Amino acid sequence: MHLTTAKAWQPTGDWLDDWATLETHLFRESEHQAKKIIFALDEYEMLHTDIFRKSPDTGGRLLAAIRSFLQRQNRIVFLLIGSAYLDELENPRWSDYFVQAQTLTVDYLSETDSKRLLTEPVKNLQYPAEVVQKIYDLTQGHPHLLQLICQNLVDYANRDNRRQMTQTDLDKAVEIALDSGVMPQSVFWTQFCEQETCRETVRQLINQEPPSHREALRRLKRHAYIVQDNDKHWKMRVPLFAEWVRLHDIDL
């Protein structure tokens, strides 16, 4: 695909005017393409939390303009990538504007893919089978946690000029993952569990107590943060998430 060269664009700060400029450019680009264009917007919910909340009316008008654009043509497809569902973003409510949107869920890596990721990228690095299994058990295939632990292990190997990883190395890598304040566990706790009902539900699950907030439990399940054990009791899906909360939550 070849995109035409556009002049440098200086947004004015007026969201509706800027969108009109971008819309015109997208229309022009689509006229020169034999295939459809995918306009991908990563972490799209940041528009809502950082901007639309401050001016819901303006946000609603912008969403209406984007909806109109999508309805008037079929050459450009919007791909919104993020951790929030449309119906969770209110004032303005995104789901009212994109009623025909399709949701595609991307889950964690499978156990097979996780183990391949651990053992194949660095061929000369050797992991005992029990260490590989332990890494998967702790992360449940969470890509960010897998990457962090693997990077720490590679750093240990390079620092000590060795290729055999041990349980002690894994323990150190896990300690780093639990000590960080900017990891997925922290984002989960400070952003996803911003409401106290969510945090209380997580505490109850960690303490193996019956959850008392049905809506918080439903939301945790919807986002795949929790799973049921063999006895049909809910628990945190990723043990490193639960352990992080145990270490950092003063109310637990």
Protein backbone atom coordinates (compact mmCIF):
# COMPACT_ATOMS: atom_id res chain seq x y z
CA MET A 1 0.00 0.00 0.00
CA HIS A 2 1.31 3.43 -0.93
CA LEU A 3 0.08 6.49 0.94
CA THR A 4 0.38 9.91 -0.58
CA THR A 5 2.65 12.44 1.04
CA ALA A 6 0.66 14.83 3.20
CA LYS A 7 1.69 18.26 4.29
CA ALA A 8 2.72 18.71 7.89
CA TRP A 9 -0.43 18.98 9.96
CA GLN A 10 -0.66 21.37 12.89
CA PRO A 11 -3.82 20.66 14.93
CA THR A 12 -5.67 23.80 15.96
CA GLY A 13 -6.87 22.47 19.31
CA ASP A 14 -10.48 22.51 18.16
CA TRP A 15 -11.39 18.82 18.06
CA LEU A 16 -14.23 19.15 15.57
CA ASP A 17 -12.23 21.32 13.15
CA ASP A 18 -9.23 19.03 13.44
CA TRP A 19 -11.39 15.99 12.79
CA ALA A 20 -12.82 17.65 9.67
CA THR A 21 -9.25 18.12 8.39
CA LEU A 22 -8.33 14.52 9.16
CA GLU A 23 -11.55 13.25 7.59
CA THR A 24 -10.78 15.08 4.35
CA HIS A 25 -7.29 13.58 4.28
CA LEU A 26 -8.62 10.06 4.92
CA PHE A 27 -11.15 10.42 2.11
CA ARG A 28 -8.41 11.47 -0.29
CA GLU A 29 -6.16 8.59 0.75
CA SER A 30 -8.93 6.04 0.29
CA GLU A 31 -9.48 7.15 -3.31
CA HIS A 32 -5.96 6.00 -4.22
CA GLN A 33 -6.08 2.61 -2.53
CA ALA A 34 -7.24 -0.71 -3.96
CA LYS A 35 -7.62 -2.10 -0.46
CA LYS A 36 -9.35 -0.83 2.62
CA ILE A 37 -7.47 1.34 5.10
CA ILE A 38 -7.43 0.40 8.77
CA PHE A 39 -7.20 3.44 11.04
CA ALA A 40 -5.89 2.00 14.33
CA LEU A 41 -6.16 3.97 17.55
CA ASP A 42 -4.24 2.36 20.40
CA GLU A 43 -5.32 2.90 24.02
CA TYR A 44 -8.38 4.68 22.67
CA GLU A 45 -9.96 4.94 26.11
CA MET A 46 -7.35 7.58 27.00
CA LEU A 47 -9.34 9.96 24.80
CA HIS A 48 -12.24 9.42 27.15
CA THR A 49 -10.42 9.55 30.47
CA ASP A 50 -8.04 12.42 29.65
CA ILE A 51 -10.17 14.59 27.36
CA PHE A 52 -13.83 13.68 26.93
CA ARG A 53 -14.52 13.63 30.66
CA LYS A 54 -13.53 17.30 30.79
CA SER A 55 -15.91 18.23 27.97
CA PRO A 56 -18.57 15.55 27.43
CA ASP A 57 -20.56 17.68 24.98
CA THR A 58 -17.57 18.23 22.71
CA GLY A 59 -16.65 14.56 23.04
CA GLY A 60 -20.16 13.55 22.04
CA ARG A 61 -20.11 15.80 18.97
CA LEU A 62 -16.76 14.37 17.90
CA LEU A 63 -18.02 10.78 18.30
CA ALA A 64 -21.11 11.70 16.28
CA ALA A 65 -18.90 13.13 13.52
CA ILE A 66 -16.79 9.95 13.44
CA ARG A 67 -19.96 7.81 13.32
CA SER A 68 -21.25 9.85 10.40
CA PHE A 69 -17.94 9.40 8.59
CA LEU A 70 -18.03 5.62 9.07
CA GLN A 71 -21.62 5.43 7.85
CA ARG A 72 -20.90 7.44 4.68
CA GLN A 73 -18.12 5.26 3.34
CA ASN A 74 -16.75 1.71 3.54
CA ARG A 75 -13.14 2.18 2.48
CA ILE A 76 -11.77 3.11 5.90
CA VAL A 77 -12.26 0.96 8.99
CA PHE A 78 -11.59 2.14 12.52
CA LEU A 79 -9.81 -0.26 14.86
CA LEU A 80 -10.08 0.85 18.48
CA ILE A 81 -7.53 -0.94 20.64
CA GLY A 82 -7.74 -0.79 24.41
CA SER A 83 -8.69 -2.43 27.67
CA ALA A 84 -12.18 -0.93 28.04
CA TYR A 85 -15.42 -2.00 26.40
CA LEU A 86 -17.39 0.70 24.61
CA ASP A 87 -20.35 0.39 26.97
CA GLU A 88 -18.05 1.07 29.93
CA LEU A 89 -17.20 4.56 28.70
CA GLU A 90 -19.98 6.93 29.71
CA ASN A 91 -20.62 10.66 29.47
CA PRO A 92 -20.42 10.50 26.54
CA ARG A 93 -21.51 6.87 26.13
CA TRP A 94 -19.44 5.43 23.29
CA SER A 95 -21.72 2.46 22.70
CA ASP A 96 -24.56 4.80 21.68
CA TYR A 97 -22.48 6.05 18.76
CA PHE A 98 -21.05 2.75 17.54
CA VAL A 99 -23.92 0.30 17.89
CA GLN A 100 -22.63 -1.91 15.05
CA ALA A 101 -19.09 -2.20 16.41
CA GLN A 102 -17.68 -5.72 16.64
CA THR A 103 -15.64 -6.69 19.70
CA LEU A 104 -12.56 -8.86 19.19
CA THR A 105 -11.02 -10.22 22.38
CA VAL A 106 -7.30 -10.94 22.60
CA ASP A 107 -6.51 -13.31 25.47
CA TYR A 108 -3.23 -14.21 27.16
CA LEU A 109 -0.81 -16.64 25.54
CA SER A 110 -1.64 -20.33 25.79
CA GLU A 111 0.55 -22.60 27.89
CA THR A 112 2.16 -24.05 24.75
CA ASP A 113 2.90 -20.63 23.25
CA SER A 114 4.17 -19.32 26.58
CA LYS A 115 6.66 -22.16 26.91
CA ARG A 116 7.81 -21.69 23.31
CA LEU A 117 8.37 -18.00 24.00
CA LEU A 118 10.45 -18.90 27.04
CA THR A 119 12.66 -21.51 25.43
CA GLU A 120 13.02 -20.65 21.74
CA PRO A 121 14.15 -17.00 21.36
CA VAL A 122 17.51 -17.57 23.09
CA LYS A 123 18.58 -21.03 22.00
CA ASN A 124 21.64 -21.27 24.23
CA LEU A 125 19.76 -20.37 27.39
CA GLN A 126 18.69 -23.46 29.30
CA TYR A 127 15.70 -23.57 31.61
CA PRO A 128 14.94 -26.57 33.80
CA ALA A 129 11.49 -27.92 32.97
CA GLU A 130 10.22 -27.06 36.44
CA VAL A 131 11.32 -23.42 36.04
CA VAL A 132 9.50 -23.13 32.71
CA GLN A 133 6.37 -24.59 34.26
CA LYS A 134 6.63 -22.29 37.28
CA ILE A 135 6.90 -19.20 35.09
CA TYR A 136 3.72 -20.16 33.29
CA ASP A 137 1.94 -21.01 36.53
CA LEU A 138 2.79 -17.60 37.97
CA THR A 139 1.93 -15.54 34.87
CA GLN A 140 -0.76 -17.66 33.19
CA GLY A 141 0.60 -16.44 29.88
CA HIS A 142 0.26 -12.71 30.60
CA PRO A 143 2.50 -11.25 27.84
CA HIS A 144 3.89 -8.32 29.83
CA LEU A 145 4.78 -10.43 32.85
CA LEU A 146 6.32 -13.13 30.68
CA GLN A 147 8.46 -10.56 28.91
CA LEU A 148 9.57 -8.97 32.16
CA ILE A 149 10.60 -12.22 33.81
CA CYS A 150 12.37 -13.45 30.67
CA GLN A 151 14.26 -10.18 30.32
CA ASN A 152 15.43 -10.39 33.92
CA LEU A 153 16.61 -13.96 33.43
CA VAL A 154 18.51 -13.05 30.25
CA ASP A 155 20.13 -10.16 32.11
CA TYR A 156 21.28 -12.53 34.86
CA ALA A 157 22.73 -14.93 32.29
CA ASN A 158 24.61 -12.18 30.45
CA ARG A 159 25.88 -10.62 33.66
CA ASP A 160 27.28 -13.91 34.98
CA ASN A 161 28.25 -15.31 31.58
CA ARG A 162 26.26 -18.50 32.03
CA ARG A 163 23.45 -20.27 30.24
CA GLN A 164 21.83 -22.45 32.89
CA MET A 165 18.92 -20.79 34.67
CA THR A 166 17.87 -21.89 38.15
CA GLN A 167 14.96 -21.56 40.54
CA THR A 168 16.98 -18.97 42.45
CA ASP A 169 17.19 -16.84 39.30
CA LEU A 170 13.44 -17.11 38.87
CA ASP A 171 12.85 -16.10 42.49
CA LYS A 172 14.90 -12.95 41.93
CA ALA A 173 13.07 -12.13 38.68
CA VAL A 174 9.70 -12.56 40.40
CA GLU A 175 10.81 -10.31 43.26
CA ILE A 176 11.51 -7.54 40.75
CA ALA A 177 8.14 -8.05 39.11
CA LEU A 178 6.41 -7.73 42.47
CA ASP A 179 8.40 -4.69 43.55
CA SER A 180 7.65 -2.50 40.54
CA GLY A 181 5.02 0.21 40.82
CA VAL A 182 4.39 0.62 37.09
CA MET A 183 3.66 -2.95 36.09
CA PRO A 184 0.32 -4.41 34.90
CA GLN A 185 -0.55 -5.27 38.49
CA SER A 186 -0.26 -1.61 39.49
CA VAL A 187 -2.33 -0.47 36.51
CA PHE A 188 -4.95 -3.06 37.40
CA TRP A 189 -5.12 -1.86 41.01
CA THR A 190 -4.97 1.90 40.50
CA GLN A 191 -6.97 2.24 37.27
CA PHE A 192 -9.17 -0.78 36.68
CA CYS A 193 -9.95 -1.12 40.40
CA GLU A 194 -10.35 2.59 40.92
CA GLN A 195 -13.68 1.96 42.69
CA GLU A 196 -13.50 0.63 46.24
CA THR A 197 -16.09 -2.06 45.46
CA CYS A 198 -13.65 -3.60 42.98
CA ARG A 199 -10.80 -3.54 45.48
CA GLU A 200 -12.95 -5.01 48.21
CA THR A 201 -14.01 -7.81 45.88
CA VAL A 202 -10.38 -8.59 45.02
CA ARG A 203 -9.48 -8.67 48.71
CA GLN A 204 -12.34 -11.06 49.38
CA LEU A 205 -11.23 -13.39 46.61
CA ILE A 206 -7.62 -13.37 47.80
CA ASN A 207 -8.81 -14.16 51.33
CA GLN A 208 -11.08 -16.91 49.95
CA GLU A 209 -14.17 -15.09 51.16
CA PRO A 210 -17.52 -14.92 49.32
CA PRO A 211 -17.61 -11.80 47.13
CA SER A 212 -20.26 -9.32 48.21
CA HIS A 213 -20.38 -7.03 45.15
CA ARG A 214 -22.01 -8.78 42.22
CA GLU A 215 -21.36 -6.02 39.68
CA ALA A 216 -17.67 -5.79 40.58
CA LEU A 217 -17.39 -9.57 40.27
CA ARG A 218 -19.11 -9.47 36.87
CA ARG A 219 -16.69 -6.81 35.63
CA LEU A 220 -13.64 -8.71 36.86
CA LYS A 221 -14.92 -11.81 35.08
CA ARG A 222 -15.67 -9.91 31.88
CA HIS A 223 -12.08 -8.65 31.73
CA ALA A 224 -10.71 -12.12 32.53
CA TYR A 225 -9.00 -11.08 35.74
CA ILE A 226 -10.67 -13.93 37.63
CA VAL A 227 -11.45 -17.60 36.97
CA GLN A 228 -13.22 -20.37 38.82
CA ASP A 229 -11.31 -23.19 40.46
CA ASN A 230 -12.36 -26.83 40.44
CA ASP A 231 -14.81 -26.15 43.27
CA LYS A 232 -16.45 -23.28 41.32
CA HIS A 233 -14.95 -20.66 43.63
CA TRP A 234 -13.72 -17.45 42.05
CA LYS A 235 -10.03 -16.56 42.31
CA MET A 236 -7.52 -14.23 40.69
CA ARG A 237 -6.47 -15.67 37.36
CA VAL A 238 -2.81 -14.60 37.55
CA PRO A 239 -1.07 -15.49 40.83
CA LEU A 240 1.40 -12.61 40.42
CA PHE A 241 -1.53 -10.18 40.43
CA ALA A 242 -2.82 -11.60 43.72
CA GLU A 243 0.66 -11.61 45.26
CA TRP A 244 1.23 -8.00 44.20
CA VAL A 245 -1.99 -6.93 45.92
CA ARG A 246 -0.97 -8.82 49.06
CA LEU A 247 2.30 -6.92 49.18
CA HIS A 248 1.06 -3.43 48.26
CA ASP A 249 -2.48 -3.13 49.60
CA ILE A 250 -2.37 -1.77 53.14
CA ASP A 251 -5.98 -2.83 53.75
CA LEU A 252 -5.45 -6.52 53.01
